[in-house]
Amino acid sequence: MMTLTNNEKEQIMAIEKYTEEVLVGDKTGHSMDHIYRVVNNAKKIQKKEGGNLFLILAGAYLHDVTDDKLVEDSEVAKNELVHFLESLQLSSQTIQEILRIIERVSFSHQLASNEKMSLTLEEKIVQDADRLDAIGAIGIGRTFYYGGKKGHAMYDSNIPPRENLTKEEYRVNQTVINHFYEKLFKLKEMMQTETGKELAEKRDKMMRVFVESFLEEWGENK
């Protein structure tokens, strides 16, 4: 099993602190408790699948710090991140690998890409780790928490879920329940690692039972 050197441990601690400073005060479900769950998911997957532990942990901690839905200017945030990583004396190659992990992790980036992405093992692990936190009991809570923050309706029978969304369409949220159909119910099949698929199974079932119960209580004949 791969372990970190003392220098790498110090760098990861600095990265954790940097992430905390960027995401402090977040009220959209992307605060440090989310980050820590993603990091723990990544550790579980890496333990079984392998991969460069430093890159995986760095990517897991930093995956939201340049997200365009969380920061005012994603390009400015990216430049600040690069400057920070350079201050840790990381090589340009390592920095580029971390940036690539961050870029490839998001669902919206996948929608924006016209080609099937070829991911490294590290990218697959961080992507799976993040998506695991979007589904299951925590995923349900985060979805309603984010929807409430943004003022989205919980459900509207007159607004059907959309298919084949572009990134721009995806950013225009409609209802909380539609988000399950438009994204969350798709994530189990989009898991990149065998461990990710195994961990997603129970969470996916929980979400489907929840949505079915929600619609029943709402009065829908589903």
Protein backbone atom coordinates (compact mmCIF):
# COMPACT_ATOMS: atom_id res chain seq x y z
CA MET A 1 0.00 0.00 0.00
CA MET A 2 1.35 3.41 -0.98
CA THR A 3 2.14 5.85 1.84
CA LEU A 4 3.05 9.52 1.86
CA THR A 5 6.49 10.88 2.69
CA ASN A 6 6.75 13.38 5.54
CA ASN A 7 7.12 16.19 3.01
CA GLU A 8 4.01 15.04 1.15
CA LYS A 9 2.07 14.89 4.41
CA GLU A 10 3.00 18.51 5.11
CA GLN A 11 1.97 19.50 1.58
CA ILE A 12 -1.40 17.78 1.98
CA MET A 13 -1.95 19.59 5.28
CA ALA A 14 -1.26 22.89 3.52
CA ILE A 15 -3.63 21.93 0.71
CA GLU A 16 -6.34 21.11 3.24
CA LYS A 17 -5.90 24.54 4.85
CA TYR A 18 -6.02 26.26 1.46
CA THR A 19 -9.28 24.49 0.58
CA GLU A 20 -10.80 25.48 3.92
CA GLU A 21 -9.96 29.13 3.27
CA VAL A 22 -11.57 29.04 -0.19
CA LEU A 23 -14.75 27.24 0.85
CA VAL A 24 -15.28 28.88 4.25
CA GLY A 25 -18.90 29.90 4.74
CA ASP A 26 -20.23 27.74 1.90
CA LYS A 27 -23.97 27.11 2.20
CA THR A 28 -24.51 25.04 -0.93
CA GLY A 29 -23.40 21.61 0.32
CA HIS A 30 -19.78 22.06 -0.78
CA SER A 31 -18.22 22.96 2.58
CA MET A 32 -15.38 21.11 4.30
CA ASP A 33 -17.63 18.33 5.59
CA HIS A 34 -18.27 17.43 1.93
CA ILE A 35 -14.54 17.65 1.18
CA TYR A 36 -13.66 15.34 4.07
CA ARG A 37 -16.22 12.77 2.92
CA VAL A 38 -14.80 12.87 -0.61
CA VAL A 39 -11.28 12.45 0.78
CA ASN A 40 -12.40 9.45 2.86
CA ASN A 41 -14.17 7.93 -0.16
CA ALA A 42 -11.01 8.43 -2.21
CA LYS A 43 -8.90 6.68 0.44
CA LYS A 44 -11.27 3.69 0.45
CA ILE A 45 -11.14 3.37 -3.32
CA GLN A 46 -7.37 3.93 -3.56
CA LYS A 47 -6.76 1.22 -0.97
CA LYS A 48 -8.37 -1.33 -3.31
CA GLU A 49 -7.61 0.13 -6.74
CA GLY A 50 -4.11 1.59 -6.23
CA GLY A 51 -2.94 4.85 -7.78
CA ASN A 52 -0.75 7.74 -6.66
CA LEU A 53 -2.00 8.56 -3.16
CA PHE A 54 -0.60 12.10 -3.10
CA LEU A 55 -2.29 13.08 -6.37
CA ILE A 56 -5.55 11.47 -5.27
CA LEU A 57 -5.62 13.26 -1.91
CA ALA A 58 -4.60 16.59 -3.45
CA GLY A 59 -7.29 16.24 -6.09
CA ALA A 60 -9.93 15.22 -3.55
CA TYR A 61 -9.18 18.19 -1.31
CA LEU A 62 -9.00 20.70 -4.17
CA HIS A 63 -11.71 19.47 -6.53
CA ASP A 64 -14.17 22.30 -5.72
CA VAL A 65 -11.87 25.31 -5.28
CA THR A 66 -12.17 26.46 -8.92
CA ASP A 67 -15.78 25.36 -9.50
CA ASP A 68 -17.63 28.05 -11.45
CA LYS A 69 -20.77 27.59 -9.36
CA LEU A 70 -18.85 28.24 -6.13
CA VAL A 71 -16.34 30.98 -7.00
CA GLU A 72 -16.88 34.35 -8.67
CA ASP A 73 -14.30 33.79 -11.41
CA SER A 74 -13.03 30.28 -12.09
CA GLU A 75 -10.03 31.48 -14.11
CA VAL A 76 -8.88 33.77 -11.29
CA ALA A 77 -9.40 30.91 -8.84
CA LYS A 78 -7.32 28.60 -11.06
CA ASN A 79 -4.48 31.11 -11.27
CA GLU A 80 -4.50 31.53 -7.49
CA LEU A 81 -4.43 27.77 -7.06
CA VAL A 82 -1.45 27.39 -9.40
CA HIS A 83 0.42 30.10 -7.49
CA PHE A 84 -0.32 28.29 -4.23
CA LEU A 85 0.80 24.90 -5.54
CA GLU A 86 4.00 26.45 -6.85
CA SER A 87 4.65 27.81 -3.35
CA LEU A 88 4.65 24.20 -2.11
CA GLN A 89 7.59 23.50 -4.44
CA LEU A 90 5.58 21.01 -6.48
CA SER A 91 6.88 20.21 -9.95
CA SER A 92 5.09 21.66 -12.96
CA GLN A 93 4.12 18.11 -13.98
CA THR A 94 2.54 17.41 -10.58
CA ILE A 95 0.66 20.71 -10.69
CA GLN A 96 -0.68 19.91 -14.14
CA GLU A 97 -1.77 16.47 -13.00
CA ILE A 98 -3.65 17.97 -10.04
CA LEU A 99 -5.32 20.55 -12.28
CA ARG A 100 -6.34 17.82 -14.70
CA ILE A 101 -7.94 15.81 -11.88
CA ILE A 102 -9.91 18.88 -10.77
CA GLU A 103 -11.00 19.63 -14.33
CA ARG A 104 -12.11 16.08 -15.07
CA VAL A 105 -14.03 15.43 -11.83
CA SER A 106 -17.16 17.44 -12.53
CA PHE A 107 -20.37 16.19 -14.13
CA SER A 108 -20.80 19.49 -15.97
CA HIS A 109 -17.36 19.13 -17.60
CA GLN A 110 -18.40 15.76 -18.93
CA LEU A 111 -21.53 17.34 -20.43
CA ALA A 112 -19.38 20.00 -22.09
CA SER A 113 -17.05 17.47 -23.69
CA ASN A 114 -18.08 16.07 -27.05
CA GLU A 115 -15.67 13.17 -26.77
CA LYS A 116 -15.46 10.28 -24.35
CA MET A 117 -12.75 11.21 -21.88
CA SER A 118 -9.80 8.94 -21.25
CA LEU A 119 -9.09 9.23 -17.53
CA THR A 120 -6.07 8.27 -15.48
CA LEU A 121 -6.63 6.01 -12.48
CA GLU A 122 -6.21 8.98 -10.16
CA GLU A 123 -8.84 10.96 -12.09
CA LYS A 124 -11.24 8.01 -11.99
CA ILE A 125 -10.83 7.61 -8.22
CA VAL A 126 -11.42 11.28 -7.36
CA GLN A 127 -14.36 11.46 -9.75
CA ASP A 128 -15.94 8.37 -8.15
CA ALA A 129 -15.24 9.67 -4.65
CA ASP A 130 -16.99 12.96 -5.38
CA ARG A 131 -19.95 11.32 -7.10
CA LEU A 132 -20.47 8.94 -4.19
CA ASP A 133 -21.12 11.95 -1.98
CA ALA A 134 -23.79 13.13 -4.45
CA ILE A 135 -25.91 10.00 -3.97
CA GLY A 136 -27.42 8.07 -1.08
CA ALA A 137 -28.69 9.64 2.15
CA ILE A 138 -26.09 12.41 2.12
CA GLY A 139 -26.79 13.02 -1.56
CA ILE A 140 -30.49 13.47 -0.87
CA GLY A 141 -29.76 15.95 1.89
CA ARG A 142 -27.26 17.91 -0.21
CA THR A 143 -29.63 18.05 -3.18
CA PHE A 144 -32.43 19.63 -1.15
CA TYR A 145 -29.97 21.85 0.71
CA TYR A 146 -28.58 23.21 -2.57
CA GLY A 147 -32.03 23.57 -4.08
CA GLY A 148 -33.26 25.52 -1.08
CA LYS A 149 -30.23 27.80 -1.20
CA LYS A 150 -30.92 28.52 -4.89
CA GLY A 151 -34.70 28.90 -4.45
CA HIS A 152 -35.63 25.89 -6.61
CA ALA A 153 -39.06 24.29 -6.32
CA MET A 154 -39.02 20.83 -4.75
CA TYR A 155 -41.25 19.39 -7.47
CA ASP A 156 -43.55 20.47 -10.29
CA SER A 157 -45.47 17.83 -12.25
CA ASN A 158 -45.68 20.23 -15.19
CA ILE A 159 -41.89 20.33 -15.59
CA PRO A 160 -40.58 16.97 -16.87
CA PRO A 161 -36.93 15.94 -16.42
CA ARG A 162 -34.69 16.84 -19.36
CA GLU A 163 -32.49 14.47 -21.36
CA ASN A 164 -29.17 15.01 -23.15
CA LEU A 165 -28.38 18.24 -21.33
CA THR A 166 -25.66 20.63 -22.38
CA LYS A 167 -23.50 22.20 -19.68
CA GLU A 168 -25.41 25.48 -20.07
CA GLU A 169 -28.78 23.74 -19.70
CA TYR A 170 -27.53 21.75 -16.72
CA ARG A 171 -26.62 24.98 -14.93
CA VAL A 172 -30.26 26.14 -15.24
CA ASN A 173 -31.83 24.03 -12.52
CA GLN A 174 -35.57 23.46 -12.58
CA THR A 175 -36.79 21.36 -9.65
CA VAL A 176 -35.03 19.37 -6.95
CA ILE A 177 -36.72 16.10 -7.89
CA ASN A 178 -35.80 16.55 -11.55
CA HIS A 179 -32.14 16.68 -10.49
CA PHE A 180 -32.40 13.04 -9.42
CA TYR A 181 -33.49 12.03 -12.94
CA GLU A 182 -31.19 14.40 -14.80
CA LYS A 183 -28.03 13.50 -12.88
CA LEU A 184 -28.13 11.47 -9.67
CA PHE A 185 -29.83 8.32 -10.99
CA LYS A 186 -27.19 8.19 -13.74
CA LEU A 187 -24.15 8.26 -11.48
CA LYS A 188 -24.09 4.58 -10.46
CA GLU A 189 -23.60 3.54 -14.08
CA MET A 190 -21.00 6.28 -14.59
CA MET A 191 -18.69 5.05 -11.82
CA GLN A 192 -15.20 4.48 -13.20
CA THR A 193 -13.80 1.94 -10.73
CA GLU A 194 -15.10 -1.41 -9.55
CA THR A 195 -14.90 -0.22 -5.95
CA GLY A 196 -16.86 2.90 -6.83
CA LYS A 197 -19.55 0.78 -8.48
CA GLU A 198 -19.82 -1.43 -5.40
CA LEU A 199 -20.11 1.52 -3.04
CA ALA A 200 -22.69 3.22 -5.27
CA GLU A 201 -25.09 0.26 -5.37
CA LYS A 202 -26.67 0.72 -1.94
CA ARG A 203 -26.78 4.51 -2.24
CA ASP A 204 -28.54 4.36 -5.59
CA LYS A 205 -31.24 2.03 -4.25
CA MET A 206 -31.84 4.34 -1.28
CA MET A 207 -32.35 7.34 -3.55
CA ARG A 208 -34.80 5.52 -5.79
CA VAL A 209 -36.90 4.39 -2.82
CA PHE A 210 -36.87 7.96 -1.49
CA VAL A 211 -38.00 9.56 -4.77
CA GLU A 212 -40.71 6.93 -5.22
CA SER A 213 -41.99 7.65 -1.70
CA PHE A 214 -41.73 11.41 -2.25
CA LEU A 215 -43.88 11.26 -5.40
CA GLU A 216 -46.39 8.97 -3.69
CA GLU A 217 -46.76 11.35 -0.75
CA TRP A 218 -46.95 14.31 -3.15
CA GLY A 219 -49.94 12.67 -4.76
CA GLU A 220 -48.44 11.48 -8.01
CA ASN A 221 -49.67 8.16 -9.36
CA LYS A 222 -46.28 6.71 -10.12
